[in-house]
Amino acid sequence: MGGAGVFRPEVTEPLGCHVPVLAWGLGLERLGMFRFGLSDIRELYLAHLSWLTGVASCRS
């Protein structure tokens, strides 16, 4: 459920950091993926109105 990885040098070197930087954590997006049965995290950020109207907690 948690993500982890190493920052690419293109991200850290402009900031003056020339050593590998690790990152990890539990994102709310991954819990949302689990809750709604999604396999691609990008689905949480796309505007699929047909999907939203089909989810009971998104209807008013």
N, C-alpha and C. Protein backbone atom coordinates (compact mmCIF):
# COMPACT_ATOMS: atom_id res chain seq x y z
N MET A 1 0.81 -1.20 0.00
CA MET A 1 0.00 0.00 0.00
C MET A 1 0.86 1.26 0.00
N GLY A 2 2.04 1.22 0.52
CA GLY A 2 2.89 2.40 0.57
C GLY A 2 3.82 2.46 -0.62
N GLY A 3 4.17 3.67 -1.00
CA GLY A 3 5.11 3.86 -2.09
C GLY A 3 6.50 4.18 -1.56
N ALA A 4 7.51 3.86 -2.36
CA ALA A 4 8.88 4.15 -1.97
C ALA A 4 9.73 4.28 -3.22
N GLY A 5 10.86 4.96 -3.10
CA GLY A 5 11.74 5.08 -4.24
C GLY A 5 12.90 6.01 -3.97
N VAL A 6 13.71 6.21 -5.00
CA VAL A 6 14.87 7.08 -4.94
C VAL A 6 14.62 8.25 -5.89
N PHE A 7 14.84 9.47 -5.40
CA PHE A 7 14.68 10.65 -6.26
C PHE A 7 15.71 10.62 -7.38
N ARG A 8 15.32 11.00 -8.56
CA ARG A 8 16.24 11.06 -9.70
C ARG A 8 17.19 12.25 -9.52
N PRO A 9 18.43 12.14 -10.02
CA PRO A 9 19.41 13.22 -9.89
C PRO A 9 18.93 14.55 -10.48
N GLU A 10 18.10 14.50 -11.53
CA GLU A 10 17.60 15.75 -12.13
C GLU A 10 16.77 16.56 -11.15
N VAL A 11 16.21 15.90 -10.16
CA VAL A 11 15.38 16.57 -9.16
C VAL A 11 16.23 17.12 -8.02
N THR A 12 17.22 16.35 -7.56
CA THR A 12 17.96 16.74 -6.36
C THR A 12 19.19 17.61 -6.65
N GLU A 13 19.86 17.41 -7.78
CA GLU A 13 21.09 18.17 -8.05
C GLU A 13 20.86 19.68 -8.18
N PRO A 14 19.78 20.15 -8.83
CA PRO A 14 19.55 21.60 -8.87
C PRO A 14 19.37 22.22 -7.48
N LEU A 15 19.03 21.40 -6.50
CA LEU A 15 18.85 21.88 -5.13
C LEU A 15 20.13 21.78 -4.32
N GLY A 16 21.22 21.34 -4.97
CA GLY A 16 22.50 21.24 -4.29
C GLY A 16 22.75 19.93 -3.59
N CYS A 17 21.91 18.95 -3.79
CA CYS A 17 22.05 17.65 -3.14
C CYS A 17 22.64 16.67 -4.15
N HIS A 18 23.83 16.17 -3.88
CA HIS A 18 24.52 15.28 -4.82
C HIS A 18 24.65 13.86 -4.30
N VAL A 19 23.80 13.47 -3.38
CA VAL A 19 23.78 12.10 -2.85
C VAL A 19 22.38 11.52 -3.09
N PRO A 20 22.23 10.20 -3.12
CA PRO A 20 20.90 9.61 -3.32
C PRO A 20 19.93 9.99 -2.19
N VAL A 21 18.70 10.26 -2.56
CA VAL A 21 17.67 10.64 -1.59
C VAL A 21 16.54 9.62 -1.68
N LEU A 22 16.22 8.99 -0.56
CA LEU A 22 15.13 8.02 -0.50
C LEU A 22 13.85 8.69 -0.03
N ALA A 23 12.72 8.18 -0.50
CA ALA A 23 11.42 8.71 -0.07
C ALA A 23 10.46 7.54 0.08
N TRP A 24 9.58 7.62 1.08
CA TRP A 24 8.58 6.60 1.27
C TRP A 24 7.41 7.19 2.04
N GLY A 25 6.30 6.52 2.00
CA GLY A 25 5.15 6.99 2.76
C GLY A 25 3.87 6.32 2.29
N LEU A 26 2.84 6.50 3.05
CA LEU A 26 1.52 5.98 2.74
C LEU A 26 0.67 7.13 2.23
N GLY A 27 0.32 7.09 0.97
CA GLY A 27 -0.49 8.16 0.38
C GLY A 27 -1.97 7.87 0.50
N LEU A 28 -2.75 8.91 0.65
CA LEU A 28 -4.21 8.75 0.69
C LEU A 28 -4.73 8.24 -0.64
N GLU A 29 -4.00 8.54 -1.73
CA GLU A 29 -4.42 8.07 -3.04
C GLU A 29 -4.46 6.54 -3.08
N ARG A 30 -3.49 5.91 -2.47
CA ARG A 30 -3.45 4.44 -2.49
C ARG A 30 -4.61 3.85 -1.69
N LEU A 31 -5.00 4.51 -0.63
CA LEU A 31 -6.18 4.04 0.11
C LEU A 31 -7.44 4.23 -0.73
N GLY A 32 -7.51 5.33 -1.47
CA GLY A 32 -8.64 5.56 -2.37
C GLY A 32 -8.70 4.51 -3.48
N MET A 33 -7.53 4.14 -4.01
CA MET A 33 -7.48 3.10 -5.03
C MET A 33 -8.04 1.79 -4.48
N PHE A 34 -7.64 1.45 -3.26
CA PHE A 34 -8.11 0.23 -2.63
C PHE A 34 -9.62 0.29 -2.39
N ARG A 35 -10.08 1.42 -1.88
CA ARG A 35 -11.50 1.59 -1.55
C ARG A 35 -12.41 1.48 -2.77
N PHE A 36 -11.99 2.09 -3.90
CA PHE A 36 -12.83 2.11 -5.09
C PHE A 36 -12.45 1.06 -6.12
N GLY A 37 -11.50 0.17 -5.80
CA GLY A 37 -11.15 -0.92 -6.70
C GLY A 37 -10.46 -0.47 -7.97
N LEU A 38 -9.63 0.57 -7.89
CA LEU A 38 -8.92 1.07 -9.06
C LEU A 38 -7.55 0.43 -9.16
N SER A 39 -7.08 0.23 -10.40
CA SER A 39 -5.75 -0.35 -10.57
C SER A 39 -4.73 0.68 -11.03
N ASP A 40 -5.18 1.88 -11.39
CA ASP A 40 -4.30 2.93 -11.88
C ASP A 40 -4.54 4.20 -11.07
N ILE A 41 -3.51 4.71 -10.41
CA ILE A 41 -3.66 5.89 -9.54
C ILE A 41 -4.12 7.12 -10.31
N ARG A 42 -3.82 7.17 -11.60
CA ARG A 42 -4.23 8.33 -12.41
C ARG A 42 -5.74 8.45 -12.52
N GLU A 43 -6.46 7.35 -12.32
CA GLU A 43 -7.92 7.39 -12.39
C GLU A 43 -8.51 8.31 -11.32
N LEU A 44 -7.81 8.53 -10.23
CA LEU A 44 -8.30 9.41 -9.18
C LEU A 44 -8.26 10.88 -9.59
N TYR A 45 -7.46 11.21 -10.58
CA TYR A 45 -7.28 12.61 -10.97
C TYR A 45 -7.93 12.96 -12.30
N LEU A 46 -8.60 12.01 -12.93
CA LEU A 46 -9.28 12.26 -14.19
C LEU A 46 -10.74 12.57 -13.91
N ALA A 47 -11.35 13.38 -14.75
CA ALA A 47 -12.74 13.78 -14.56
C ALA A 47 -13.67 12.86 -15.36
N HIS A 48 -13.94 11.69 -14.82
CA HIS A 48 -14.88 10.76 -15.44
C HIS A 48 -16.24 10.94 -14.75
N LEU A 49 -17.07 11.79 -15.31
CA LEU A 49 -18.35 12.08 -14.68
C LEU A 49 -19.23 10.84 -14.60
N SER A 50 -19.15 9.96 -15.60
CA SER A 50 -19.96 8.74 -15.55
C SER A 50 -19.55 7.86 -14.37
N TRP A 51 -18.26 7.81 -14.04
CA TRP A 51 -17.80 7.03 -12.90
C TRP A 51 -18.28 7.68 -11.59
N LEU A 52 -18.16 9.00 -11.51
CA LEU A 52 -18.57 9.70 -10.29
C LEU A 52 -20.04 9.53 -9.99
N THR A 53 -20.88 9.58 -11.01
CA THR A 53 -22.32 9.42 -10.76
C THR A 53 -22.67 8.00 -10.37
N GLY A 54 -21.79 7.03 -10.66
CA GLY A 54 -22.05 5.64 -10.29
C GLY A 54 -21.60 5.30 -8.88
N VAL A 55 -20.84 6.16 -8.25
CA VAL A 55 -20.33 5.91 -6.89
C VAL A 55 -21.30 6.54 -5.90
N ALA A 56 -21.87 5.72 -5.04
CA ALA A 56 -22.91 6.18 -4.13
C ALA A 56 -22.46 7.34 -3.26
N SER A 57 -21.21 7.32 -2.76
CA SER A 57 -20.76 8.38 -1.87
C SER A 57 -20.51 9.70 -2.60
N CYS A 58 -20.54 9.70 -3.92
CA CYS A 58 -20.32 10.93 -4.69
C CYS A 58 -21.64 11.57 -5.13
N ARG A 59 -22.75 10.89 -4.93
CA ARG A 59 -24.06 11.43 -5.33
C ARG A 59 -24.65 12.24 -4.19
N SER A 60 -25.39 13.25 -4.56
CA SER A 60 -26.03 14.06 -3.50
C SER A 60 -27.47 13.69 -3.33
